[in-house]
Protein backbone atom coordinates (compact mmCIF):
# COMPACT_ATOMS: atom_id res chain seq x y z
CA MET A 1 105.07 -107.06 -75.53
CA PHE A 2 103.29 -109.83 -73.54
CA PRO A 3 100.73 -109.19 -70.77
CA PRO A 4 101.76 -109.91 -67.28
CA ARG A 5 101.45 -113.58 -66.10
CA SER A 6 98.80 -112.77 -63.49
CA GLU A 7 96.46 -111.19 -66.05
CA LYS A 8 96.87 -114.13 -68.42
CA TYR A 9 96.03 -116.54 -65.61
CA ARG A 10 92.95 -114.53 -64.69
CA THR A 11 91.74 -114.57 -68.32
CA LYS A 12 92.08 -118.36 -68.54
CA LYS A 13 90.25 -118.81 -65.26
CA GLN A 14 87.28 -116.71 -66.44
CA GLU A 15 87.13 -118.67 -69.69
CA LYS A 16 87.10 -121.95 -67.74
CA GLN A 17 84.25 -120.72 -65.52
CA ARG A 18 82.20 -119.76 -68.56
CA ARG A 19 82.66 -123.23 -70.04
CA GLN A 20 81.62 -124.83 -66.77
CA SER A 21 78.52 -122.66 -66.57
CA ARG A 22 77.52 -123.61 -70.11
CA PHE A 23 78.03 -127.32 -69.27
CA TRP A 24 75.86 -127.24 -66.16
CA LEU A 25 73.16 -125.27 -67.98
CA THR A 26 73.16 -127.77 -70.81
CA LEU A 27 73.08 -130.67 -68.34
CA ASN A 28 70.18 -129.18 -66.40
CA VAL A 29 68.17 -128.53 -69.57
CA SER A 30 68.86 -132.07 -70.75
CA LEU A 31 67.70 -133.50 -67.43
CA ILE A 32 64.50 -131.47 -67.57
CA ILE A 33 63.83 -132.66 -71.12
CA ALA A 34 64.50 -136.26 -70.08
CA ILE A 35 62.09 -135.98 -67.17
CA ILE A 36 59.39 -134.56 -69.45
CA ALA A 37 60.02 -137.31 -71.97
CA LEU A 38 59.78 -140.01 -69.30
CA GLY A 39 56.56 -138.55 -67.98
CA ALA A 40 55.08 -138.45 -71.45
CA TYR A 41 56.22 -142.02 -72.10
CA TYR A 42 54.66 -143.20 -68.82
CA TYR A 43 51.38 -141.41 -69.61
CA VAL A 44 51.19 -142.90 -73.10
CA GLY A 45 52.05 -146.33 -71.73
CA GLU A 46 49.19 -146.15 -69.23
CA ARG A 47 46.77 -145.04 -71.94
CA THR A 48 47.63 -147.96 -74.19
CA SER A 49 47.97 -150.65 -71.50
CA PRO A 50 45.86 -153.89 -71.83
CA ASP A 51 43.48 -152.64 -69.13
CA ASN A 52 42.52 -149.71 -71.32
CA GLU A 53 43.00 -151.28 -74.73
CA GLY A 54 40.20 -150.53 -77.20
CA SER A 55 38.99 -147.41 -75.41
CA ASN A 56 39.97 -143.76 -75.69
CA GLU A 57 37.46 -142.60 -73.11
CA PRO A 58 38.74 -140.11 -70.54
CA ALA A 59 39.48 -141.42 -67.07
CA PRO A 60 36.32 -141.74 -64.96
CA VAL A 61 35.60 -138.94 -62.55
CA GLU A 62 34.28 -139.61 -59.08
CA TYR A 63 31.53 -137.35 -57.80
CA PRO A 64 30.44 -136.64 -54.26
CA ALA A 65 27.51 -138.80 -53.10
CA ASP A 66 25.19 -135.80 -52.91
CA GLN A 67 26.19 -134.35 -56.29
CA PRO A 68 24.80 -135.87 -59.53
CA PRO A 69 27.21 -136.29 -62.49
CA SER A 70 27.32 -133.48 -65.01
CA ASP A 71 26.14 -133.76 -68.63
CA HIS A 72 29.76 -134.35 -69.72
CA ASN A 73 29.92 -137.84 -68.21
CA ASP A 74 29.52 -139.79 -71.46
CA SER A 75 28.91 -143.17 -69.89
CA GLU A 76 26.15 -141.99 -67.52
CA GLY A 77 22.91 -143.81 -68.31
CA ILE A 78 24.49 -146.26 -70.79
CA SER A 79 23.67 -149.86 -70.04
CA LYS A 80 26.32 -152.42 -69.29
CA ALA A 81 25.56 -154.34 -72.50
CA GLU A 82 25.82 -151.16 -74.61
CA GLU A 83 29.07 -150.12 -72.95
CA GLU A 84 30.68 -153.47 -73.71
CA ASN A 85 29.75 -153.18 -77.40
CA LEU A 86 31.04 -149.63 -77.96
CA GLU A 87 33.65 -149.34 -80.73
CA PRO A 88 36.68 -147.13 -79.95
CA ALA A 89 36.60 -143.79 -81.79
CA PRO A 90 39.34 -143.30 -84.44
CA GLU A 91 42.14 -140.96 -83.46
CA HIS A 92 41.80 -138.01 -85.82
CA ASN A 93 44.49 -135.88 -84.12
CA GLY A 94 43.08 -132.74 -85.65
CA ASP A 95 43.62 -133.91 -89.24
CA PRO A 96 40.64 -132.70 -91.38
CA ALA A 97 41.43 -135.33 -94.03
CA ALA A 98 41.03 -138.05 -91.42
CA GLY A 99 37.73 -136.64 -90.24
CA GLY A 100 39.32 -134.40 -87.63
CA THR A 101 39.33 -130.64 -87.33
CA ASP A 102 41.87 -127.86 -87.56
CA GLU A 103 40.06 -125.80 -84.97
CA GLY A 104 41.17 -127.71 -81.87
CA THR A 105 37.84 -129.49 -81.24
CA ASP A 106 37.82 -131.63 -78.08
CA LEU A 107 37.95 -135.27 -79.21
CA PHE A 108 35.94 -136.29 -76.13
CA GLU A 109 33.07 -133.88 -76.57
CA PRO A 110 29.90 -135.66 -75.38
CA PRO A 111 27.19 -136.51 -77.94
CA ALA A 112 23.95 -134.55 -78.07
CA ASP A 113 21.70 -135.39 -75.13
CA GLU A 114 19.30 -138.12 -76.20
CA GLY A 115 17.90 -138.85 -72.76
CA GLU A 116 19.19 -141.25 -70.16
CA LEU A 117 19.25 -144.93 -70.93
CA SER A 118 18.81 -147.38 -68.11
CA LEU A 119 18.12 -151.04 -67.63
CA PRO A 120 14.56 -151.81 -66.50
CA GLU A 121 14.38 -152.69 -62.85
CA GLU A 122 13.72 -156.36 -62.21
CA GLN A 123 10.59 -156.76 -60.11
CA GLU A 124 9.77 -159.79 -58.03
CA PRO A 125 6.61 -161.51 -59.32
CA VAL A 126 3.68 -160.97 -56.97
CA GLU A 127 2.51 -164.26 -55.45
CA MET A 128 -1.26 -164.75 -55.76
CA VAL A 129 -3.66 -167.45 -54.62
CA HIS A 130 -6.17 -168.71 -57.18
CA LEU A 131 -9.65 -169.28 -55.72
CA HIS A 132 -13.05 -170.50 -56.95
CA PHE A 133 -16.44 -170.07 -55.27
CA ALA A 134 -19.78 -171.52 -56.32
CA GLY A 135 -23.33 -171.58 -55.00
CA ASP A 136 -25.88 -173.80 -53.30
CA THR A 137 -25.20 -177.53 -53.47
CA ILE A 138 -27.64 -180.35 -52.61
CA PHE A 139 -27.98 -184.08 -53.35
CA SER A 140 -31.72 -184.52 -52.71
CA GLY A 141 -34.93 -184.88 -54.76
CA SER A 142 -34.43 -184.95 -58.53
CA VAL A 143 -30.66 -184.52 -58.01
CA ALA A 144 -30.54 -187.75 -56.01
CA SER A 145 -32.35 -189.60 -58.80
CA LYS A 146 -29.98 -188.22 -61.42
CA LEU A 147 -26.87 -189.14 -59.45
CA ALA A 148 -28.18 -192.64 -58.76
CA LYS A 149 -28.18 -193.12 -62.52
CA GLU A 150 -25.07 -191.13 -63.54
CA GLY A 151 -22.85 -191.55 -60.50
CA TYR A 152 -21.62 -189.05 -57.90
CA HIS A 153 -18.83 -187.80 -60.17
CA TYR A 154 -21.47 -186.43 -62.56
CA PRO A 155 -21.94 -182.95 -60.97
CA TYR A 156 -18.26 -182.05 -61.47
CA GLU A 157 -17.69 -183.06 -65.12
CA HIS A 158 -17.37 -179.43 -66.25
CA VAL A 159 -15.71 -177.96 -63.18
CA HIS A 160 -13.23 -180.53 -61.87
CA ALA A 161 -10.46 -179.08 -64.08
CA LEU A 162 -11.04 -175.65 -62.51
CA PHE A 163 -11.24 -176.94 -58.95
CA SER A 164 -8.29 -179.33 -59.26
CA SER A 165 -5.91 -176.76 -60.72
CA ASP A 166 -6.55 -173.86 -58.32
CA ASP A 167 -5.40 -173.24 -54.75
CA LEU A 168 -8.80 -173.30 -53.05
CA SER A 169 -12.37 -174.16 -54.10
CA VAL A 170 -15.36 -173.44 -51.84
CA LEU A 171 -19.05 -174.39 -52.13
CA ASN A 172 -22.12 -173.70 -50.00
CA LEU A 173 -23.20 -177.18 -48.82
CA GLU A 174 -26.91 -176.63 -48.28
CA THR A 175 -27.76 -180.04 -46.93
CA PRO A 176 -26.90 -182.20 -43.93
CA VAL A 177 -24.92 -185.35 -44.76
CA THR A 178 -26.29 -188.17 -42.67
CA GLU A 179 -28.13 -191.47 -42.72
CA ARG A 180 -29.89 -190.61 -39.48
CA GLY A 181 -31.60 -187.57 -38.02
CA THR A 182 -35.07 -186.18 -37.42
CA PRO A 183 -36.51 -184.02 -40.23
CA ALA A 184 -37.16 -180.40 -39.30
CA GLU A 185 -40.82 -179.47 -38.92
CA ASP A 186 -42.69 -176.59 -40.56
CA LYS A 187 -40.30 -176.33 -43.50
CA SER A 188 -41.24 -176.43 -47.17
CA PHE A 189 -37.97 -178.12 -48.18
CA VAL A 190 -36.03 -180.51 -45.98
CA PHE A 191 -32.80 -181.90 -47.42
CA LYS A 192 -30.59 -184.88 -46.72
CA ALA A 193 -27.52 -186.32 -48.48
CA PRO A 194 -25.80 -189.71 -48.18
CA PRO A 195 -22.17 -189.78 -47.01
CA LYS A 196 -21.16 -191.52 -50.26
CA ALA A 197 -21.68 -188.17 -52.06
CA LEU A 198 -18.64 -186.62 -50.39
CA PRO A 199 -15.65 -188.62 -51.73
CA SER A 200 -16.45 -187.52 -55.30
CA MET A 201 -16.68 -183.92 -54.11
CA HIS A 202 -13.21 -184.15 -52.61
CA LYS A 203 -11.83 -185.93 -55.66
CA ALA A 204 -13.22 -183.13 -57.87
CA GLY A 205 -11.05 -180.60 -56.02
CA VAL A 206 -13.52 -179.04 -53.58
CA ASP A 207 -11.47 -178.02 -50.55
CA ALA A 208 -14.01 -176.49 -48.16
CA VAL A 209 -17.74 -175.92 -47.66
CA ASN A 210 -19.79 -173.31 -45.83
CA LEU A 211 -22.34 -174.74 -43.38
CA ALA A 212 -23.84 -171.44 -42.18
CA ASN A 213 -27.18 -171.68 -44.00
CA ASN A 214 -30.85 -172.49 -43.50
CA HIS A 215 -30.62 -176.24 -44.29
CA THR A 216 -27.65 -177.56 -42.30
CA LEU A 217 -29.93 -178.57 -39.39
CA ASP A 218 -32.69 -180.05 -41.59
CA GLN A 219 -32.01 -183.36 -39.80
CA GLY A 220 -31.55 -181.85 -36.36
CA VAL A 221 -28.45 -181.76 -34.17
CA GLU A 222 -27.82 -185.43 -34.87
CA GLY A 223 -27.68 -184.70 -38.60
CA LEU A 224 -25.33 -181.74 -38.01
CA LEU A 225 -22.89 -183.78 -35.96
CA ASP A 226 -22.92 -186.53 -38.58
CA THR A 227 -22.20 -183.92 -41.25
CA LEU A 228 -19.14 -182.67 -39.39
CA LYS A 229 -17.84 -186.22 -39.02
CA HIS A 230 -18.41 -187.25 -42.63
CA LEU A 231 -16.76 -184.08 -43.95
CA LYS A 232 -13.70 -184.77 -41.80
CA ASP A 233 -13.58 -188.37 -42.97
CA SER A 234 -13.71 -187.17 -46.59
CA LYS A 235 -10.96 -184.59 -45.99
CA ILE A 236 -13.23 -181.67 -46.80
CA HIS A 237 -12.83 -178.60 -44.58
CA PHE A 238 -15.89 -176.77 -43.23
CA PHE A 239 -16.77 -173.54 -41.44
CA GLY A 240 -19.87 -171.67 -40.23
CA ALA A 241 -21.16 -174.42 -37.89
CA GLY A 242 -19.83 -176.42 -34.97
CA LYS A 243 -20.37 -178.33 -31.78
CA ASN A 244 -20.68 -175.05 -29.85
CA LYS A 245 -20.66 -171.30 -30.40
CA GLN A 246 -16.88 -171.01 -30.24
CA ASP A 247 -16.42 -173.66 -32.94
CA ALA A 248 -19.19 -172.27 -35.13
CA TYR A 249 -17.78 -168.72 -35.25
CA ALA A 250 -14.15 -169.80 -35.44
CA PRO A 251 -12.52 -169.00 -38.80
CA LEU A 252 -11.13 -171.86 -40.84
CA TYR A 253 -7.43 -171.19 -41.45
CA LEU A 254 -5.68 -172.65 -44.50
CA GLU A 255 -2.30 -171.81 -45.98
CA ARG A 256 -1.61 -171.69 -49.69
CA LYS A 257 1.63 -170.52 -51.33
CA GLY A 258 2.77 -169.02 -48.05
CA ILE A 259 -0.45 -166.98 -47.77
CA LYS A 260 -2.59 -167.63 -44.70
CA ILE A 261 -6.30 -167.59 -45.57
CA ALA A 262 -9.19 -167.25 -43.10
CA LEU A 263 -12.69 -168.44 -44.11
CA CYS A 264 -15.65 -167.23 -42.04
CA GLY A 265 -19.28 -168.29 -42.54
CA PHE A 266 -22.39 -166.53 -41.19
CA SER A 267 -26.11 -166.92 -41.84
CA ARG A 268 -28.71 -164.14 -41.67
CA VAL A 269 -31.38 -166.72 -42.55
CA ILE A 270 -32.42 -169.48 -40.12
CA PRO A 271 -35.92 -170.96 -39.72
CA GLN A 272 -35.77 -171.06 -35.92
CA ALA A 273 -33.76 -169.15 -33.33
CA ASP A 274 -32.51 -172.37 -31.72
CA TRP A 275 -30.50 -173.17 -34.86
CA ALA A 276 -27.90 -170.69 -33.58
CA ALA A 277 -24.94 -172.27 -31.81
CA GLY A 278 -24.74 -171.78 -28.04
CA LYS A 279 -22.09 -172.08 -25.38
CA ASN A 280 -22.57 -175.84 -25.09
CA LYS A 281 -24.98 -176.33 -27.97
CA PRO A 282 -24.25 -177.35 -31.59
CA GLY A 283 -25.49 -174.98 -34.26
CA LEU A 284 -24.69 -172.24 -36.75
CA ALA A 285 -22.83 -168.95 -36.70
CA VAL A 286 -25.60 -166.40 -37.25
CA ALA A 287 -25.58 -162.68 -38.01
CA TYR A 288 -28.97 -161.25 -37.11
CA ASP A 289 -27.06 -159.34 -34.47
CA PRO A 290 -23.79 -158.78 -36.32
CA ALA A 291 -21.66 -158.16 -33.22
CA GLU A 292 -20.42 -161.75 -32.85
CA ALA A 293 -19.76 -162.13 -36.57
CA VAL A 294 -17.89 -158.82 -36.76
CA LYS A 295 -15.79 -159.87 -33.77
CA ALA A 296 -14.88 -163.10 -35.55
CA VAL A 297 -13.81 -161.19 -38.67
CA GLN A 298 -11.70 -158.85 -36.57
CA GLY A 299 -10.00 -161.84 -34.96
CA ALA A 300 -9.34 -163.38 -38.37
CA ARG A 301 -7.83 -160.10 -39.51
CA GLN A 302 -5.25 -160.36 -36.74
CA ASN A 303 -4.25 -163.92 -37.67
CA ALA A 304 -4.48 -164.16 -41.48
CA ASP A 305 -3.20 -162.46 -44.60
CA LEU A 306 -6.45 -162.91 -46.54
CA VAL A 307 -9.88 -162.84 -44.88
CA ILE A 308 -12.90 -164.21 -46.78
CA VAL A 309 -16.50 -164.15 -45.56
CA VAL A 310 -19.18 -166.46 -47.00
CA ALA A 311 -22.58 -164.99 -46.06
CA HIS A 312 -26.05 -166.51 -46.31
CA TRP A 313 -28.58 -163.68 -46.61
CA GLY A 314 -31.18 -161.91 -48.71
CA LYS A 315 -34.54 -162.98 -50.12
CA GLU A 316 -35.13 -166.05 -52.26
CA ARG A 317 -35.70 -165.72 -56.03
CA THR A 318 -35.19 -162.00 -56.23
CA THR A 319 -32.31 -160.04 -57.71
CA LYS A 320 -33.06 -157.04 -55.52
CA LEU A 321 -30.82 -156.65 -52.49
CA GLU A 322 -32.22 -156.51 -48.98
CA LYS A 323 -30.93 -153.65 -46.82
CA HIS A 324 -29.27 -156.07 -44.40
CA GLN A 325 -27.11 -157.50 -47.21
CA THR A 326 -25.43 -154.18 -47.91
CA SER A 327 -25.11 -153.16 -44.26
CA LEU A 328 -23.63 -156.53 -43.25
CA ALA A 329 -21.26 -156.62 -46.23
CA HIS A 330 -19.92 -153.16 -45.41
CA ALA A 331 -19.61 -154.05 -41.72
CA PHE A 332 -17.56 -157.14 -42.60
CA VAL A 333 -15.24 -155.11 -44.83
CA ASP A 334 -14.88 -152.47 -42.13
CA ALA A 335 -13.94 -155.28 -39.70
CA GLY A 336 -11.19 -156.51 -42.01
CA ALA A 337 -12.70 -158.78 -44.68
CA ASP A 338 -10.95 -158.76 -48.07
CA LEU A 339 -13.59 -160.63 -50.07
CA ILE A 340 -17.26 -161.46 -49.49
CA ILE A 341 -19.20 -164.21 -51.27
CA GLY A 342 -22.96 -164.36 -50.70
CA GLY A 343 -25.69 -166.93 -51.23
CA HIS A 344 -29.28 -168.03 -50.45
CA PRO A 345 -31.41 -166.14 -53.04
CA HIS A 346 -31.00 -169.05 -55.57
CA VAL A 347 -30.47 -166.45 -58.32
CA LEU A 348 -27.49 -164.37 -59.29
CA GLN A 349 -27.32 -160.89 -57.80
CA GLY A 350 -24.97 -157.99 -58.47
CA LEU A 351 -21.45 -157.19 -57.37
CA GLU A 352 -20.03 -154.17 -55.60
CA GLN A 353 -16.60 -152.89 -54.70
CA TYR A 354 -16.52 -151.23 -51.29
CA LYS A 355 -13.27 -149.68 -50.02
CA GLY A 356 -11.41 -151.63 -52.67
CA LYS A 357 -12.91 -155.00 -51.60
CA TRP A 358 -15.18 -157.14 -53.77
CA ILE A 359 -18.65 -158.20 -52.67
CA ALA A 360 -20.55 -160.84 -54.66
CA TYR A 361 -24.06 -160.70 -53.22
CA SER A 362 -25.32 -164.04 -54.54
CA THR A 363 -23.69 -166.90 -56.41
CA GLY A 364 -27.04 -168.57 -57.22
CA ASN A 365 -27.55 -172.33 -57.38
CA PHE A 366 -24.80 -174.74 -58.37
CA ILE A 367 -25.54 -178.44 -57.92
CA PHE A 368 -29.29 -178.17 -57.64
CA THR A 369 -32.68 -178.97 -59.07
CA LYS A 370 -34.08 -177.11 -62.08
CA LYS A 371 -37.51 -175.59 -61.68
CA SER A 372 -39.26 -174.82 -64.94
CA THR A 373 -41.33 -172.14 -63.20
CA ALA A 374 -38.24 -170.14 -62.13
CA PRO A 375 -35.85 -169.76 -65.10
CA ASP A 376 -33.77 -167.14 -63.24
CA THR A 377 -32.63 -169.93 -60.93
CA TRP A 378 -30.96 -171.65 -63.89
CA ASP A 379 -28.38 -168.89 -64.26
CA THR A 380 -25.25 -169.34 -62.19
CA ALA A 381 -21.51 -168.75 -62.33
CA VAL A 382 -18.23 -169.87 -60.87
CA PHE A 383 -16.73 -166.85 -59.16
CA GLU A 384 -12.97 -166.76 -59.64
CA ALA A 385 -10.68 -164.63 -57.47
CA LYS A 386 -6.94 -164.10 -57.56
CA CYS A 387 -5.67 -162.47 -54.40
CA THR A 388 -2.33 -161.26 -53.06
CA LYS A 389 -0.97 -161.64 -49.57
CA GLN A 390 -1.94 -158.01 -49.00
CA GLY A 391 -5.61 -158.81 -49.62
CA ASP A 392 -5.92 -157.26 -53.08
CA CYS A 393 -8.22 -159.39 -55.26
CA GLN A 394 -9.13 -159.57 -58.92
CA MET A 395 -12.60 -160.94 -59.74
CA LYS A 396 -13.82 -162.90 -62.73
CA LEU A 397 -17.12 -164.62 -63.56
CA LEU A 398 -17.34 -167.89 -65.48
CA PRO A 399 -20.96 -168.24 -66.71
CA PHE A 400 -22.83 -171.54 -66.18
CA ARG A 401 -26.36 -172.91 -66.34
CA THR A 402 -27.75 -175.14 -63.59
CA GLU A 403 -29.05 -178.36 -65.08
CA ILE A 404 -30.39 -181.09 -62.84
CA GLY A 405 -27.45 -182.12 -60.67
CA GLN A 406 -24.85 -180.56 -62.95
CA PRO A 407 -23.65 -177.03 -63.79
CA VAL A 408 -22.92 -176.65 -67.52
CA PRO A 409 -20.74 -173.83 -68.94
CA LEU A 410 -22.38 -171.21 -71.13
CA LYS A 411 -20.55 -170.21 -74.28
CA GLY A 412 -20.90 -167.48 -76.88
CA GLU A 413 -23.97 -165.28 -76.83
CA GLU A 414 -25.59 -167.11 -73.90
CA GLY A 415 -22.55 -166.54 -71.73
CA ALA A 416 -22.30 -162.90 -72.81
CA GLN A 417 -25.95 -162.29 -71.94
CA LEU A 418 -25.47 -163.73 -68.45
CA LEU A 419 -22.45 -161.48 -67.84
CA LYS A 420 -24.39 -158.43 -69.04
CA LYS A 421 -27.24 -159.38 -66.73
CA VAL A 422 -24.96 -159.48 -63.69
CA GLU A 423 -23.36 -156.21 -64.78
CA SER A 424 -26.82 -154.56 -64.94
CA LEU A 425 -27.55 -155.72 -61.39
CA SER A 426 -24.26 -154.39 -60.06
CA LYS A 427 -23.20 -151.07 -58.63
CA ASP A 428 -20.53 -149.10 -60.52
CA ILE A 429 -18.85 -152.11 -62.06
CA ALA A 430 -18.25 -153.42 -65.58
CA ILE A 431 -17.77 -157.00 -66.76
CA ASP A 432 -15.94 -157.57 -70.04
CA SER A 433 -16.60 -160.36 -72.53
CA GLY A 434 -14.06 -162.58 -70.76
CA GLY A 435 -15.86 -162.21 -67.42
CA GLN A 436 -13.25 -159.91 -65.85
CA VAL A 437 -14.81 -157.54 -63.33
CA ARG A 438 -13.58 -153.99 -62.79
CA SER A 439 -14.74 -150.99 -60.83
CA LEU A 440 -15.97 -147.88 -62.63
CA ILE A 441 -14.96 -145.71 -59.68
CA GLU A 442 -11.42 -144.36 -59.86
CA GLY A 443 -9.19 -145.26 -56.93
């Protein structure tokens, strides 16, 4: 007996619906698998693209600006050169035989912390001016006789290389340069130099001279005015004296390597009060009353990067400082001086560092006579300074002996003894065997 037609139809319909359901389920599953496969293929393709070839590092992670990277950022602290030379790690894929692990170790586990590596920061070289200073210079008496025989180049045979290769060389010219003038009265020593002495000085590399001393007016105002003219004609700068008070106290401004230098000259030693420059009177910049000199230093401080004072002070032929030397030196530094070079005693005196600024109290003689009765006056030095635009200076002494009309370098034990002598005369400073000066006070 056969089932009714309607029941048979219903059974076929249900079977058809079940087949359709299985088809759509299979199709949906296949689509899902295909999507997953495409995603995986895309991911692998990105990992092995030319941009990432040779590296299996994880993608870089960006961190907020105020949050430092964690210890798991492998490339942090590795220099650019090191990063470019890294070899890609082999893909172990968890295979112990290939050096992997069967415990699911993270292939990108960072190495043990060995401290950060970084490239050294490139620093701009500090520009410095190279300066030389030397002591009292004359062309009279036995010096004149020596130069008449040897020539006016003779005094500079051992120093012209120093003076020609630096940025600025300064001497204390302790003589008027003139063929005229009236000799000063009531003086034990009255000097005079011919104008023909100056071209050799310029050729040797001397850039500037201090005129604030106790011999510049040895031939009167006429001799002073001639000196100013002959120095200009020989292209040698000067400071410390002038046609009036304003000129005499005015700093000499020179620029070297983009650093503006001010040179000021003052004398605390003059034989007569009328040697001081006046409003309409030629003369010297003096410092018995330091007010005018301090004012000039303060003005220089406002207009220059590096302020240097050349001071004529102290007592002749003694290594002991006078009270006014220290008080004036400190006043000049307080007013803005970066370096102070002293003269007049005809012997070397000590050095001091005050508020970070070097003070050389006496440079001794340089181109001078040689008195057998005063051997201390034979010792001298070229004072070398290297200074930054900010006014920080390094000091060095180059030991010399003053022979008649010519300074001669001291070598070996003689040079070492001279350096030790200056060190013993100095306050809280040391001088090494190369002449380098340093402070013994920290800071």
